[in-house]
């Protein structure tokens, strides 16, 4: 199973992605540590990471929408 990480500060967009992930039944780990996000070079959140690919809000939203509910 692929590990999915949501980098979040619980902002409005972060909450949208969290809701959509849960709605689709996609298991994910949430990281809220700003220091970790800064080290990764993130200038904004939310970011979603899976299989070494990091997606911004728009990309992550599209990725979630394309997922098939299990």
C-alpha atoms as a PDB file:
ATOM      1  CA  UNK A   1       0.000   0.000   0.000  1.00  0.00           C
ATOM      2  CA  UNK A   2       1.308   3.410  -0.930  1.00  0.00           C
ATOM      3  CA  UNK A   3       1.949   5.896   1.849  1.00  0.00           C
ATOM      4  CA  UNK A   4       0.061   9.152   1.418  1.00  0.00           C
ATOM      5  CA  UNK A   5       1.118  12.181   3.435  1.00  0.00           C
ATOM      6  CA  UNK A   6      -0.941  15.341   3.811  1.00  0.00           C
ATOM      7  CA  UNK A   7       1.134  18.357   4.865  1.00  0.00           C
ATOM      8  CA  UNK A   8      -1.315  20.655   6.598  1.00  0.00           C
ATOM      9  CA  UNK A   9      -1.688  23.666   8.862  1.00  0.00           C
ATOM     10  CA  UNK A  10      -5.462  23.094   9.093  1.00  0.00           C
ATOM     11  CA  UNK A  11      -6.152  26.049   6.789  1.00  0.00           C
ATOM     12  CA  UNK A  12      -9.330  26.085   4.708  1.00  0.00           C
ATOM     13  CA  UNK A  13      -7.716  24.342   1.710  1.00  0.00           C
ATOM     14  CA  UNK A  14      -6.033  21.821   4.026  1.00  0.00           C
ATOM     15  CA  UNK A  15      -9.417  20.949   5.521  1.00  0.00           C
ATOM     16  CA  UNK A  16     -10.895  20.491   2.034  1.00  0.00           C
ATOM     17  CA  UNK A  17      -8.221  17.965   1.064  1.00  0.00           C
ATOM     18  CA  UNK A  18      -8.539  16.183   4.406  1.00  0.00           C
ATOM     19  CA  UNK A  19     -12.310  15.923   3.936  1.00  0.00           C
ATOM     20  CA  UNK A  20     -11.979  14.647   0.374  1.00  0.00           C
ATOM     21  CA  UNK A  21      -9.369  12.028   1.350  1.00  0.00           C
ATOM     22  CA  UNK A  22     -11.637  10.750   4.137  1.00  0.00           C
ATOM     23  CA  UNK A  23     -14.709  10.872   1.867  1.00  0.00           C
ATOM     24  CA  UNK A  24     -12.917   8.656  -0.682  1.00  0.00           C
ATOM     25  CA  UNK A  25     -11.720   6.274   2.036  1.00  0.00           C
ATOM     26  CA  UNK A  26      -8.078   7.071   1.269  1.00  0.00           C
ATOM     27  CA  UNK A  27      -5.837   6.389   4.252  1.00  0.00           C
ATOM     28  CA  UNK A  28      -3.248   9.070   4.886  1.00  0.00           C
ATOM     29  CA  UNK A  29      -0.786  10.361   7.443  1.00  0.00           C
ATOM     30  CA  UNK A  30      -0.993  14.013   8.404  1.00  0.00           C
ATOM     31  CA  UNK A  31       2.106  16.115   9.048  1.00  0.00           C
ATOM     32  CA  UNK A  32       1.556  19.484  10.740  1.00  0.00           C
ATOM     33  CA  UNK A  33       5.170  20.218  11.710  1.00  0.00           C
ATOM     34  CA  UNK A  34       6.101  23.532  10.043  1.00  0.00           C
ATOM     35  CA  UNK A  35       9.804  22.755  10.410  1.00  0.00           C
ATOM     36  CA  UNK A  36       9.450  19.574   8.328  1.00  0.00           C
ATOM     37  CA  UNK A  37       7.513  21.462   5.653  1.00  0.00           C
ATOM     38  CA  UNK A  38      10.124  24.239   5.580  1.00  0.00           C
ATOM     39  CA  UNK A  39      12.952  21.693   5.186  1.00  0.00           C
ATOM     40  CA  UNK A  40      11.078  20.202   2.213  1.00  0.00           C
ATOM     41  CA  UNK A  41      10.963  23.671   0.653  1.00  0.00           C
ATOM     42  CA  UNK A  42       7.194  24.137   0.807  1.00  0.00           C
ATOM     43  CA  UNK A  43       6.114  27.744   0.407  1.00  0.00           C
ATOM     44  CA  UNK A  44       2.420  26.970   0.867  1.00  0.00           C
ATOM     45  CA  UNK A  45       0.093  24.248   2.079  1.00  0.00           C
ATOM     46  CA  UNK A  46      -1.614  21.910   1.664  1.00  0.00           C
ATOM     47  CA  UNK A  47       0.764  19.560  -0.079  1.00  0.00           C
ATOM     48  CA  UNK A  48       0.094  15.891  -0.717  1.00  0.00           C
ATOM     49  CA  UNK A  49       2.900  13.376  -1.165  1.00  0.00           C
ATOM     50  CA  UNK A  50       2.680   9.852  -2.540  1.00  0.00           C
ATOM     51  CA  UNK A  51       5.248   7.636  -4.253  1.00  0.00           C
ATOM     52  CA  UNK A  52       7.810  10.448  -4.003  1.00  0.00           C
ATOM     53  CA  UNK A  53       5.536  12.834  -5.915  1.00  0.00           C
ATOM     54  CA  UNK A  54       4.563  16.074  -4.198  1.00  0.00           C
ATOM     55  CA  UNK A  55       1.348  17.767  -5.295  1.00  0.00           C
ATOM     56  CA  UNK A  56       0.007  21.226  -4.543  1.00  0.00           C
ATOM     57  CA  UNK A  57      -3.663  21.821  -3.748  1.00  0.00           C
ATOM     58  CA  UNK A  58      -4.892  21.800  -7.361  1.00  0.00           C
ATOM     59  CA  UNK A  59      -2.870  18.730  -8.313  1.00  0.00           C
ATOM     60  CA  UNK A  60      -3.884  16.879  -5.145  1.00  0.00           C
ATOM     61  CA  UNK A  61      -7.541  17.747  -5.685  1.00  0.00           C
ATOM     62  CA  UNK A  62      -7.369  16.339  -9.223  1.00  0.00           C
ATOM     63  CA  UNK A  63      -5.527  13.207  -7.990  1.00  0.00           C
ATOM     64  CA  UNK A  64      -8.193  12.552  -5.329  1.00  0.00           C
ATOM     65  CA  UNK A  65     -11.016  13.102  -7.828  1.00  0.00           C
ATOM     66  CA  UNK A  66      -9.475  10.548 -10.203  1.00  0.00           C
ATOM     67  CA  UNK A  67      -9.163   7.859  -7.526  1.00  0.00           C
ATOM     68  CA  UNK A  68     -11.561   4.923  -7.607  1.00  0.00           C
ATOM     69  CA  UNK A  69     -13.395   4.375  -4.329  1.00  0.00           C
ATOM     70  CA  UNK A  70     -12.609   0.943  -2.959  1.00  0.00           C
END
